[in-house]
Amino acid sequence: MNVLNEWAFVGIFAVLAPVFPILPIVIASILRPKMPNVLKSQTYECGVETIGDTWVQFRVQYYIYGLVFLVFDVEIVFLLPWALAYHQLDLFAFGAGFLFIFLLADALIYAWRKDVLAWK
């Protein structure tokens, strides 16, 4: 019985957690003004009407640059605590940090040699 009391808050959270994102959406859909017209359903970008075909296919190169940026951005998040505690690290943590840096550098060199980062 004591275990159930300890896990009761997890059950309550699991039941109530979906309510918090869904409730504002439902309230907004009920309270919003509903005045549809043709102008609102037209495609626009940055407030400017499009000229020509609105379905433009972006090159994969843009996504590759975004992914590479994301990888190195996340790398900084992982390396910052390691760098701040640099003087208190034991040999294992020191080696693990340098292994992490080595693997990311290896991935960057691999992408560079495959001409993934070359803008064509």
C-alpha atoms as a PDB file:
ATOM      1  CA  MET A   1       0.000   0.000   0.000  1.00  0.00           C
ATOM      2  CA  ASN A   2       2.889   2.353   0.749  1.00  0.00           C
ATOM      3  CA  VAL A   3       4.331   1.785  -2.737  1.00  0.00           C
ATOM      4  CA  LEU A   4       1.033   2.845  -4.295  1.00  0.00           C
ATOM      5  CA  ASN A   5       1.092   6.086  -2.334  1.00  0.00           C
ATOM      6  CA  GLU A   6       4.640   6.803  -3.517  1.00  0.00           C
ATOM      7  CA  TRP A   7       3.697   6.278  -7.169  1.00  0.00           C
ATOM      8  CA  ALA A   8       0.324   8.022  -6.996  1.00  0.00           C
ATOM      9  CA  PHE A   9       1.811  11.345  -8.103  1.00  0.00           C
ATOM     10  CA  VAL A  10       3.228   9.672 -11.226  1.00  0.00           C
ATOM     11  CA  GLY A  11      -0.216   8.339 -12.112  1.00  0.00           C
ATOM     12  CA  ILE A  12      -1.843  11.716 -11.497  1.00  0.00           C
ATOM     13  CA  PHE A  13       0.819  13.397 -13.624  1.00  0.00           C
ATOM     14  CA  ALA A  14       0.314  10.868 -16.440  1.00  0.00           C
ATOM     15  CA  VAL A  15      -3.414  11.575 -16.440  1.00  0.00           C
ATOM     16  CA  LEU A  16      -3.149  15.378 -16.177  1.00  0.00           C
ATOM     17  CA  ALA A  17      -0.106  15.954 -18.404  1.00  0.00           C
ATOM     18  CA  PRO A  18      -2.010  15.736 -21.721  1.00  0.00           C
ATOM     19  CA  VAL A  19      -4.649  18.137 -20.404  1.00  0.00           C
ATOM     20  CA  PHE A  20      -2.285  21.120 -20.151  1.00  0.00           C
ATOM     21  CA  PRO A  21      -1.321  21.308 -23.850  1.00  0.00           C
ATOM     22  CA  ILE A  22      -4.754  20.242 -25.139  1.00  0.00           C
ATOM     23  CA  LEU A  23      -6.869  22.586 -22.988  1.00  0.00           C
ATOM     24  CA  PRO A  24      -5.491  25.906 -24.403  1.00  0.00           C
ATOM     25  CA  ILE A  25      -5.923  24.622 -27.968  1.00  0.00           C
ATOM     26  CA  VAL A  26      -9.538  23.655 -27.312  1.00  0.00           C
ATOM     27  CA  ILE A  27     -10.290  26.965 -25.580  1.00  0.00           C
ATOM     28  CA  ALA A  28      -8.661  28.934 -28.415  1.00  0.00           C
ATOM     29  CA  SER A  29     -10.631  27.030 -31.060  1.00  0.00           C
ATOM     30  CA  ILE A  30     -13.879  27.795 -29.224  1.00  0.00           C
ATOM     31  CA  LEU A  31     -13.159  31.499 -28.582  1.00  0.00           C
ATOM     32  CA  ARG A  32     -11.457  32.478 -31.839  1.00  0.00           C
ATOM     33  CA  PRO A  33     -13.317  34.539 -34.409  1.00  0.00           C
ATOM     34  CA  LYS A  34     -14.436  32.424 -37.348  1.00  0.00           C
ATOM     35  CA  MET A  35     -14.454  34.584 -40.480  1.00  0.00           C
ATOM     36  CA  PRO A  36     -12.987  32.522 -43.345  1.00  0.00           C
ATOM     37  CA  ASN A  37     -12.382  34.094 -46.735  1.00  0.00           C
ATOM     38  CA  VAL A  38     -10.367  33.478 -49.893  1.00  0.00           C
ATOM     39  CA  LEU A  39      -7.598  35.901 -48.943  1.00  0.00           C
ATOM     40  CA  LYS A  40      -6.835  34.038 -45.716  1.00  0.00           C
ATOM     41  CA  SER A  41      -6.410  30.716 -47.511  1.00  0.00           C
ATOM     42  CA  GLN A  42      -3.863  32.020 -50.027  1.00  0.00           C
ATOM     43  CA  THR A  43      -0.212  31.038 -49.718  1.00  0.00           C
ATOM     44  CA  TYR A  44       2.195  33.756 -48.637  1.00  0.00           C
ATOM     45  CA  GLU A  45       5.703  33.956 -47.298  1.00  0.00           C
ATOM     46  CA  CYS A  46       6.780  36.625 -44.846  1.00  0.00           C
ATOM     47  CA  GLY A  47       3.679  38.657 -45.634  1.00  0.00           C
ATOM     48  CA  VAL A  48       4.508  38.900 -49.335  1.00  0.00           C
ATOM     49  CA  GLU A  49       2.438  37.246 -52.036  1.00  0.00           C
ATOM     50  CA  THR A  50       4.290  34.528 -53.908  1.00  0.00           C
ATOM     51  CA  ILE A  51       5.133  34.798 -57.573  1.00  0.00           C
ATOM     52  CA  GLY A  52       5.110  31.589 -59.570  1.00  0.00           C
ATOM     53  CA  ASP A  53       5.068  28.114 -58.090  1.00  0.00           C
ATOM     54  CA  THR A  54       4.754  28.107 -54.304  1.00  0.00           C
ATOM     55  CA  TRP A  55       6.099  24.577 -53.850  1.00  0.00           C
ATOM     56  CA  VAL A  56       9.856  25.074 -53.992  1.00  0.00           C
ATOM     57  CA  GLN A  57      12.074  22.102 -53.304  1.00  0.00           C
ATOM     58  CA  PHE A  58      15.079  23.030 -51.179  1.00  0.00           C
ATOM     59  CA  ARG A  59      18.405  21.400 -51.756  1.00  0.00           C
ATOM     60  CA  VAL A  60      19.510  18.756 -49.283  1.00  0.00           C
ATOM     61  CA  GLN A  61      22.645  20.835 -48.715  1.00  0.00           C
ATOM     62  CA  TYR A  62      20.708  23.232 -46.470  1.00  0.00           C
ATOM     63  CA  TYR A  63      19.644  20.389 -44.203  1.00  0.00           C
ATOM     64  CA  ILE A  64      23.164  18.960 -44.060  1.00  0.00           C
ATOM     65  CA  TYR A  65      24.517  22.293 -42.832  1.00  0.00           C
ATOM     66  CA  GLY A  66      21.732  22.452 -40.270  1.00  0.00           C
ATOM     67  CA  LEU A  67      22.511  18.960 -39.012  1.00  0.00           C
ATOM     68  CA  VAL A  68      26.241  19.648 -38.797  1.00  0.00           C
ATOM     69  CA  PHE A  69      25.533  22.837 -36.863  1.00  0.00           C
ATOM     70  CA  LEU A  70      23.193  20.943 -34.540  1.00  0.00           C
ATOM     71  CA  VAL A  71      25.788  18.240 -33.886  1.00  0.00           C
ATOM     72  CA  PHE A  72      28.439  20.742 -32.910  1.00  0.00           C
ATOM     73  CA  ASP A  73      25.982  22.810 -30.919  1.00  0.00           C
ATOM     74  CA  VAL A  74      25.036  19.750 -28.863  1.00  0.00           C
ATOM     75  CA  GLU A  75      28.729  18.933 -28.553  1.00  0.00           C
ATOM     76  CA  ILE A  76      29.278  22.233 -26.761  1.00  0.00           C
ATOM     77  CA  VAL A  77      26.453  21.437 -24.338  1.00  0.00           C
ATOM     78  CA  PHE A  78      28.165  18.171 -23.427  1.00  0.00           C
ATOM     79  CA  LEU A  79      31.689  19.578 -23.331  1.00  0.00           C
ATOM     80  CA  LEU A  80      31.006  22.691 -21.249  1.00  0.00           C
ATOM     81  CA  PRO A  81      30.562  20.838 -17.914  1.00  0.00           C
ATOM     82  CA  TRP A  82      33.558  18.682 -18.786  1.00  0.00           C
ATOM     83  CA  ALA A  83      35.679  21.778 -19.450  1.00  0.00           C
ATOM     84  CA  LEU A  84      34.516  23.522 -16.258  1.00  0.00           C
ATOM     85  CA  ALA A  85      35.458  20.505 -14.144  1.00  0.00           C
ATOM     86  CA  TYR A  86      38.690  19.924 -16.076  1.00  0.00           C
ATOM     87  CA  HIS A  87      41.008  20.190 -13.045  1.00  0.00           C
ATOM     88  CA  GLN A  88      38.949  17.802 -10.895  1.00  0.00           C
ATOM     89  CA  LEU A  89      38.640  15.033 -13.504  1.00  0.00           C
ATOM     90  CA  ASP A  90      40.129  11.614 -13.008  1.00  0.00           C
ATOM     91  CA  LEU A  91      41.924   9.801 -15.823  1.00  0.00           C
ATOM     92  CA  PHE A  92      38.794   7.979 -17.059  1.00  0.00           C
ATOM     93  CA  ALA A  93      36.734  11.180 -17.393  1.00  0.00           C
ATOM     94  CA  PHE A  94      39.678  12.920 -19.044  1.00  0.00           C
ATOM     95  CA  GLY A  95      40.011  10.108 -21.574  1.00  0.00           C
ATOM     96  CA  ALA A  96      36.243   9.947 -22.191  1.00  0.00           C
ATOM     97  CA  GLY A  97      36.160  13.667 -22.994  1.00  0.00           C
ATOM     98  CA  PHE A  98      39.016  13.404 -25.426  1.00  0.00           C
ATOM     99  CA  LEU A  99      37.452  10.310 -27.012  1.00  0.00           C
ATOM    100  CA  PHE A 100      34.254  12.310 -27.510  1.00  0.00           C
ATOM    101  CA  ILE A 101      36.201  15.160 -29.125  1.00  0.00           C
ATOM    102  CA  PHE A 102      38.103  12.678 -31.301  1.00  0.00           C
ATOM    103  CA  LEU A 103      34.907  10.996 -32.549  1.00  0.00           C
ATOM    104  CA  LEU A 104      33.328  14.334 -33.452  1.00  0.00           C
ATOM    105  CA  ALA A 105      36.480  15.486 -35.212  1.00  0.00           C
ATOM    106  CA  ASP A 106      36.593  12.166 -37.058  1.00  0.00           C
ATOM    107  CA  ALA A 107      32.977  12.642 -38.186  1.00  0.00           C
ATOM    108  CA  LEU A 108      33.791  16.174 -39.377  1.00  0.00           C
ATOM    109  CA  ILE A 109      36.803  14.951 -41.341  1.00  0.00           C
ATOM    110  CA  TYR A 110      34.678  12.152 -42.853  1.00  0.00           C
ATOM    111  CA  ALA A 111      31.999  14.649 -43.942  1.00  0.00           C
ATOM    112  CA  TRP A 112      34.671  16.951 -45.331  1.00  0.00           C
ATOM    113  CA  ARG A 113      36.295  14.163 -47.391  1.00  0.00           C
ATOM    114  CA  LYS A 114      32.911  13.048 -48.755  1.00  0.00           C
ATOM    115  CA  ASP A 115      32.362  16.660 -49.961  1.00  0.00           C
ATOM    116  CA  VAL A 116      29.209  16.945 -47.907  1.00  0.00           C
ATOM    117  CA  LEU A 117      30.257  20.396 -46.723  1.00  0.00           C
ATOM    118  CA  ALA A 118      31.248  21.656 -50.187  1.00  0.00           C
ATOM    119  CA  TRP A 119      28.774  24.220 -51.459  1.00  0.00           C
ATOM    120  CA  LYS A 120      27.960  23.424 -55.082  1.00  0.00           C
END
